[in-house]
Amino acid sequence: MILDDSKPEMQEVFETYTDTWDKMVKVEIMKQYTADGKTIFTINPDFEEIGFVEPPTEEEETEERYTENYHLEDVEKDIATVYEKVKNAMLQLDSSIKINPQKYYISLRKSKNFAYIMVRRRKMHIIVMLPYEVGNSLIKKHKLTQLSQGIQDFYNGQCFQVTLENEDDLEEVIKTLEEAYKQQNR
């Protein structure tokens, strides 16, 4: 992909679509300078430094690289407990919900993804596939982040982010995830 300047939102795209964008798309920044009828182009990084990745073999493709343990490795105990409680609540709602670990997140899905969990060392972010207004009416005691339209388009629908730092008032987040599940799997 050739761009005319650095685009910070591209990093988020690469982190979300790790099996496609992160592996198959390389970003080049090309600039054009013109003076006295002469034109010079610069490209960064140098084309030789891009480093193409060989596509995975069929055996590598089927091998599970990312697991829940991969995401929970260096996480504080409180956050691991919060994750387990959220996971168990979702599986009690419907035992066929798939816990789908990827490189940068763990998605919760049945027929469609209804939440993306990003576990960090001291907190957990959950992208909930509901409009921000719905989340704002359901969640009162946790930090909500309204996502830009570009990010919502990236996740293929209206969504917002909720940040959990402990298991206090977890019930309101679980209720919101249940609502997202119902909306995505009608």
C-alpha atoms as a PDB file:
ATOM      1  CA  MET A   1       0.000   0.000   0.000  1.00  0.00           C
ATOM      2  CA  ILE A   2       1.455   3.337  -0.991  1.00  0.00           C
ATOM      3  CA  LEU A   3       0.480   6.391   1.073  1.00  0.00           C
ATOM      4  CA  ASP A   4       1.485  10.032   0.883  1.00  0.00           C
ATOM      5  CA  ASP A   5       1.990  10.371   4.638  1.00  0.00           C
ATOM      6  CA  SER A   6       1.935   8.323   7.833  1.00  0.00           C
ATOM      7  CA  LYS A   7      -1.591   7.271   8.874  1.00  0.00           C
ATOM      8  CA  PRO A   8      -1.735   6.304  12.588  1.00  0.00           C
ATOM      9  CA  GLU A   9      -5.077   4.487  12.163  1.00  0.00           C
ATOM     10  CA  MET A  10      -3.358   1.933   9.908  1.00  0.00           C
ATOM     11  CA  GLN A  11      -1.660   0.369  12.954  1.00  0.00           C
ATOM     12  CA  GLU A  12      -5.071  -0.424  14.452  1.00  0.00           C
ATOM     13  CA  VAL A  13      -6.142  -2.047  11.176  1.00  0.00           C
ATOM     14  CA  PHE A  14      -2.997  -4.209  11.168  1.00  0.00           C
ATOM     15  CA  GLU A  15      -3.547  -5.201  14.810  1.00  0.00           C
ATOM     16  CA  THR A  16      -7.138  -6.249  14.188  1.00  0.00           C
ATOM     17  CA  TYR A  17      -6.695  -8.112  10.902  1.00  0.00           C
ATOM     18  CA  THR A  18      -3.496  -9.910  11.819  1.00  0.00           C
ATOM     19  CA  ASP A  19      -3.996 -12.828   9.453  1.00  0.00           C
ATOM     20  CA  THR A  20      -4.515 -10.650   6.391  1.00  0.00           C
ATOM     21  CA  TRP A  21      -3.415  -7.029   6.596  1.00  0.00           C
ATOM     22  CA  ASP A  22      -0.570  -7.634   9.035  1.00  0.00           C
ATOM     23  CA  LYS A  23       0.874 -10.407   6.881  1.00  0.00           C
ATOM     24  CA  MET A  24       0.051  -9.365   3.334  1.00  0.00           C
ATOM     25  CA  VAL A  25       0.107  -5.562   3.296  1.00  0.00           C
ATOM     26  CA  LYS A  26       3.288  -3.519   3.487  1.00  0.00           C
ATOM     27  CA  VAL A  27       3.081   0.253   3.778  1.00  0.00           C
ATOM     28  CA  GLU A  28       5.304   2.525   1.719  1.00  0.00           C
ATOM     29  CA  ILE A  29       5.280   6.312   2.061  1.00  0.00           C
ATOM     30  CA  MET A  30       5.919   8.005  -1.247  1.00  0.00           C
ATOM     31  CA  LYS A  31       6.455  11.738  -1.554  1.00  0.00           C
ATOM     32  CA  GLN A  32       6.799  13.831  -4.684  1.00  0.00           C
ATOM     33  CA  TYR A  33       8.899  16.984  -4.859  1.00  0.00           C
ATOM     34  CA  THR A  34       8.776  19.267  -7.892  1.00  0.00           C
ATOM     35  CA  ALA A  35      10.927  22.315  -8.669  1.00  0.00           C
ATOM     36  CA  ASP A  36      11.936  24.000 -11.913  1.00  0.00           C
ATOM     37  CA  GLY A  37      10.043  21.430 -13.982  1.00  0.00           C
ATOM     38  CA  LYS A  38      11.917  18.513 -12.404  1.00  0.00           C
ATOM     39  CA  THR A  39      10.307  15.892 -10.186  1.00  0.00           C
ATOM     40  CA  ILE A  40      11.876  13.702  -7.509  1.00  0.00           C
ATOM     41  CA  PHE A  41      10.113  10.887  -5.693  1.00  0.00           C
ATOM     42  CA  THR A  42      11.162   9.477  -2.333  1.00  0.00           C
ATOM     43  CA  ILE A  43       9.976   6.208  -0.886  1.00  0.00           C
ATOM     44  CA  ASN A  44      10.269   5.134   2.726  1.00  0.00           C
ATOM     45  CA  PRO A  45      11.273   2.512   3.780  1.00  0.00           C
ATOM     46  CA  ASP A  46      13.547   1.587   0.904  1.00  0.00           C
ATOM     47  CA  PHE A  47      11.929  -1.054  -1.249  1.00  0.00           C
ATOM     48  CA  GLU A  48      14.690  -3.546  -0.420  1.00  0.00           C
ATOM     49  CA  GLU A  49      13.897  -3.228   3.305  1.00  0.00           C
ATOM     50  CA  ILE A  50      10.228  -4.216   3.065  1.00  0.00           C
ATOM     51  CA  GLY A  51      10.823  -7.889   3.821  1.00  0.00           C
ATOM     52  CA  PHE A  52       8.230 -10.057   2.188  1.00  0.00           C
ATOM     53  CA  VAL A  53       6.796 -12.908   4.243  1.00  0.00           C
ATOM     54  CA  GLU A  54       6.340 -16.332   2.739  1.00  0.00           C
ATOM     55  CA  PRO A  55       2.743 -17.534   2.951  1.00  0.00           C
ATOM     56  CA  PRO A  56       2.241 -20.162   5.658  1.00  0.00           C
ATOM     57  CA  THR A  57       2.212 -23.802   4.672  1.00  0.00           C
ATOM     58  CA  GLU A  58      -1.020 -25.739   5.086  1.00  0.00           C
ATOM     59  CA  GLU A  59       0.390 -27.374   8.220  1.00  0.00           C
ATOM     60  CA  GLU A  60       1.305 -23.979   9.727  1.00  0.00           C
ATOM     61  CA  GLU A  61      -2.117 -22.634   8.780  1.00  0.00           C
ATOM     62  CA  THR A  62      -3.915 -25.286  10.825  1.00  0.00           C
ATOM     63  CA  GLU A  63      -1.540 -24.969  13.798  1.00  0.00           C
ATOM     64  CA  GLU A  64      -3.057 -22.878  16.583  1.00  0.00           C
ATOM     65  CA  ARG A  65      -0.637 -20.055  17.234  1.00  0.00           C
ATOM     66  CA  TYR A  66      -2.665 -17.904  19.560  1.00  0.00           C
ATOM     67  CA  THR A  67      -4.502 -19.262  22.563  1.00  0.00           C
ATOM     68  CA  GLU A  68      -6.219 -17.820  25.589  1.00  0.00           C
ATOM     69  CA  ASN A  69      -3.065 -18.632  27.591  1.00  0.00           C
ATOM     70  CA  TYR A  70      -1.043 -16.573  25.102  1.00  0.00           C
ATOM     71  CA  HIS A  71      -3.210 -13.546  25.982  1.00  0.00           C
ATOM     72  CA  LEU A  72      -3.228 -14.212  29.725  1.00  0.00           C
ATOM     73  CA  GLU A  73       0.525 -14.876  30.115  1.00  0.00           C
ATOM     74  CA  ASP A  74       1.739 -11.749  31.936  1.00  0.00           C
ATOM     75  CA  VAL A  75      -1.615 -10.440  33.085  1.00  0.00           C
ATOM     76  CA  GLU A  76      -2.292  -9.512  36.692  1.00  0.00           C
ATOM     77  CA  LYS A  77      -4.431 -12.025  38.564  1.00  0.00           C
ATOM     78  CA  ASP A  78      -7.405  -9.627  38.917  1.00  0.00           C
ATOM     79  CA  ILE A  79      -7.617  -9.145  35.140  1.00  0.00           C
ATOM     80  CA  ALA A  80      -7.330 -12.892  34.471  1.00  0.00           C
ATOM     81  CA  THR A  81     -10.195 -13.417  36.942  1.00  0.00           C
ATOM     82  CA  VAL A  82     -12.308 -10.765  35.189  1.00  0.00           C
ATOM     83  CA  TYR A  83     -11.658 -12.443  31.838  1.00  0.00           C
ATOM     84  CA  GLU A  84     -12.660 -15.874  33.193  1.00  0.00           C
ATOM     85  CA  LYS A  85     -15.866 -14.461  34.701  1.00  0.00           C
ATOM     86  CA  VAL A  86     -16.824 -12.778  31.418  1.00  0.00           C
ATOM     87  CA  LYS A  87     -16.013 -15.943  29.456  1.00  0.00           C
ATOM     88  CA  ASN A  88     -17.977 -18.191  31.828  1.00  0.00           C
ATOM     89  CA  ALA A  89     -20.986 -15.856  31.789  1.00  0.00           C
ATOM     90  CA  MET A  90     -21.032 -15.924  27.989  1.00  0.00           C
ATOM     91  CA  LEU A  91     -20.732 -19.720  27.874  1.00  0.00           C
ATOM     92  CA  GLN A  92     -23.583 -20.019  30.385  1.00  0.00           C
ATOM     93  CA  LEU A  93     -25.691 -17.827  28.104  1.00  0.00           C
ATOM     94  CA  ASP A  94     -24.979 -20.145  25.155  1.00  0.00           C
ATOM     95  CA  SER A  95     -22.470 -22.982  25.307  1.00  0.00           C
ATOM     96  CA  SER A  96     -21.945 -22.806  21.531  1.00  0.00           C
ATOM     97  CA  ILE A  97     -20.402 -19.317  21.709  1.00  0.00           C
ATOM     98  CA  LYS A  98     -16.920 -19.582  20.244  1.00  0.00           C
ATOM     99  CA  ILE A  99     -13.990 -18.112  22.156  1.00  0.00           C
ATOM    100  CA  ASN A 100     -11.749 -17.155  19.228  1.00  0.00           C
ATOM    101  CA  PRO A 101      -8.184 -16.084  20.200  1.00  0.00           C
ATOM    102  CA  GLN A 102      -6.332 -14.077  17.548  1.00  0.00           C
ATOM    103  CA  LYS A 103      -2.986 -12.301  17.687  1.00  0.00           C
ATOM    104  CA  TYR A 104      -4.213  -9.040  19.249  1.00  0.00           C
ATOM    105  CA  TYR A 105      -7.613  -9.921  20.666  1.00  0.00           C
ATOM    106  CA  ILE A 106     -10.023 -12.679  21.636  1.00  0.00           C
ATOM    107  CA  SER A 107     -13.338 -12.452  19.852  1.00  0.00           C
ATOM    108  CA  LEU A 108     -16.627 -13.797  21.147  1.00  0.00           C
ATOM    109  CA  ARG A 109     -18.848 -15.104  18.369  1.00  0.00           C
ATOM    110  CA  LYS A 110     -21.673 -17.348  17.397  1.00  0.00           C
ATOM    111  CA  SER A 111     -22.620 -16.605  13.802  1.00  0.00           C
ATOM    112  CA  LYS A 112     -20.986 -13.148  14.022  1.00  0.00           C
ATOM    113  CA  ASN A 113     -18.486 -11.498  16.348  1.00  0.00           C
ATOM    114  CA  PHE A 114     -20.328  -9.609  19.063  1.00  0.00           C
ATOM    115  CA  ALA A 115     -17.317  -8.606  21.179  1.00  0.00           C
ATOM    116  CA  TYR A 116     -13.541  -8.269  20.936  1.00  0.00           C
ATOM    117  CA  ILE A 117     -11.524  -8.606  24.156  1.00  0.00           C
ATOM    118  CA  MET A 118      -8.055  -7.095  24.409  1.00  0.00           C
ATOM    119  CA  VAL A 119      -6.335  -8.205  27.595  1.00  0.00           C
ATOM    120  CA  ARG A 120      -3.581  -5.957  28.899  1.00  0.00           C
ATOM    121  CA  ARG A 121      -1.375  -6.368  31.942  1.00  0.00           C
ATOM    122  CA  ARG A 122      -3.538  -4.244  34.293  1.00  0.00           C
ATOM    123  CA  LYS A 123      -6.807  -3.799  32.387  1.00  0.00           C
ATOM    124  CA  MET A 124      -9.059  -5.305  29.810  1.00  0.00           C
ATOM    125  CA  HIS A 125     -10.701  -3.499  26.897  1.00  0.00           C
ATOM    126  CA  ILE A 126     -13.833  -4.925  25.314  1.00  0.00           C
ATOM    127  CA  ILE A 127     -15.147  -3.696  21.972  1.00  0.00           C
ATOM    128  CA  VAL A 128     -18.902  -4.297  22.168  1.00  0.00           C
ATOM    129  CA  MET A 129     -20.876  -4.491  18.923  1.00  0.00           C
ATOM    130  CA  LEU A 130     -23.688  -2.150  19.990  1.00  0.00           C
ATOM    131  CA  PRO A 131     -24.259   1.572  19.410  1.00  0.00           C
ATOM    132  CA  TYR A 132     -22.488   3.826  21.927  1.00  0.00           C
ATOM    133  CA  GLU A 133     -25.843   5.223  23.107  1.00  0.00           C
ATOM    134  CA  VAL A 134     -27.016   1.718  24.088  1.00  0.00           C
ATOM    135  CA  GLY A 135     -23.761   1.064  25.937  1.00  0.00           C
ATOM    136  CA  ASN A 136     -23.990   4.407  27.682  1.00  0.00           C
ATOM    137  CA  SER A 137     -27.472   3.580  28.955  1.00  0.00           C
ATOM    138  CA  LEU A 138     -26.449   0.093  30.159  1.00  0.00           C
ATOM    139  CA  ILE A 139     -22.978   0.756  31.608  1.00  0.00           C
ATOM    140  CA  LYS A 140     -22.704   3.404  34.303  1.00  0.00           C
ATOM    141  CA  LYS A 141     -19.686   2.418  36.396  1.00  0.00           C
ATOM    142  CA  HIS A 142     -16.982   1.670  33.806  1.00  0.00           C
ATOM    143  CA  LYS A 143     -15.105   3.863  31.358  1.00  0.00           C
ATOM    144  CA  LEU A 144     -16.701   3.890  27.889  1.00  0.00           C
ATOM    145  CA  THR A 145     -14.950   5.150  24.782  1.00  0.00           C
ATOM    146  CA  GLN A 146     -16.892   6.244  21.744  1.00  0.00           C
ATOM    147  CA  LEU A 147     -15.017   5.013  18.665  1.00  0.00           C
ATOM    148  CA  SER A 148     -14.560   7.047  15.503  1.00  0.00           C
ATOM    149  CA  GLN A 149     -16.664   6.167  12.462  1.00  0.00           C
ATOM    150  CA  GLY A 150     -13.558   4.794  10.723  1.00  0.00           C
ATOM    151  CA  ILE A 151     -12.869   2.383  13.573  1.00  0.00           C
ATOM    152  CA  GLN A 152     -16.537   1.331  13.700  1.00  0.00           C
ATOM    153  CA  ASP A 153     -16.426   0.665   9.951  1.00  0.00           C
ATOM    154  CA  PHE A 154     -13.321  -1.401  10.569  1.00  0.00           C
ATOM    155  CA  TYR A 155     -15.244  -3.580  13.063  1.00  0.00           C
ATOM    156  CA  ASN A 156     -18.154  -3.789  10.569  1.00  0.00           C
ATOM    157  CA  GLY A 157     -20.782  -2.096  12.678  1.00  0.00           C
ATOM    158  CA  GLN A 158     -21.646   0.282  15.447  1.00  0.00           C
ATOM    159  CA  CYS A 159     -19.505  -0.373  18.501  1.00  0.00           C
ATOM    160  CA  PHE A 160     -17.834   1.172  21.529  1.00  0.00           C
ATOM    161  CA  GLN A 161     -15.081   0.236  23.965  1.00  0.00           C
ATOM    162  CA  VAL A 162     -15.479  -0.463  27.658  1.00  0.00           C
ATOM    163  CA  THR A 163     -12.429  -0.653  29.935  1.00  0.00           C
ATOM    164  CA  LEU A 164     -12.348  -2.956  32.974  1.00  0.00           C
ATOM    165  CA  GLU A 165      -9.694  -2.627  35.666  1.00  0.00           C
ATOM    166  CA  ASN A 166     -11.249  -4.928  38.284  1.00  0.00           C
ATOM    167  CA  GLU A 167     -14.308  -7.105  38.790  1.00  0.00           C
ATOM    168  CA  ASP A 168     -16.416  -4.405  40.464  1.00  0.00           C
ATOM    169  CA  ASP A 169     -19.816  -3.936  38.821  1.00  0.00           C
ATOM    170  CA  LEU A 170     -19.050  -6.646  36.263  1.00  0.00           C
ATOM    171  CA  GLU A 171     -22.752  -7.536  36.021  1.00  0.00           C
ATOM    172  CA  GLU A 172     -23.539  -4.430  33.949  1.00  0.00           C
ATOM    173  CA  VAL A 173     -20.831  -5.342  31.417  1.00  0.00           C
ATOM    174  CA  ILE A 174     -22.075  -8.945  31.214  1.00  0.00           C
ATOM    175  CA  LYS A 175     -25.657  -7.715  30.640  1.00  0.00           C
ATOM    176  CA  THR A 176     -24.361  -5.474  27.852  1.00  0.00           C
ATOM    177  CA  LEU A 177     -22.484  -8.388  26.257  1.00  0.00           C
ATOM    178  CA  GLU A 178     -25.665 -10.474  26.458  1.00  0.00           C
ATOM    179  CA  GLU A 179     -27.522  -7.698  24.627  1.00  0.00           C
ATOM    180  CA  ALA A 180     -24.797  -7.532  21.952  1.00  0.00           C
ATOM    181  CA  TYR A 181     -25.041 -11.323  21.557  1.00  0.00           C
ATOM    182  CA  LYS A 182     -28.815 -11.098  21.067  1.00  0.00           C
ATOM    183  CA  GLN A 183     -28.493  -8.249  18.547  1.00  0.00           C
ATOM    184  CA  GLN A 184     -25.775  -9.939  16.479  1.00  0.00           C
ATOM    185  CA  ASN A 185     -27.387 -13.387  16.479  1.00  0.00           C
ATOM    186  CA  ARG A 186     -31.069 -12.733  15.763  1.00  0.00           C
END
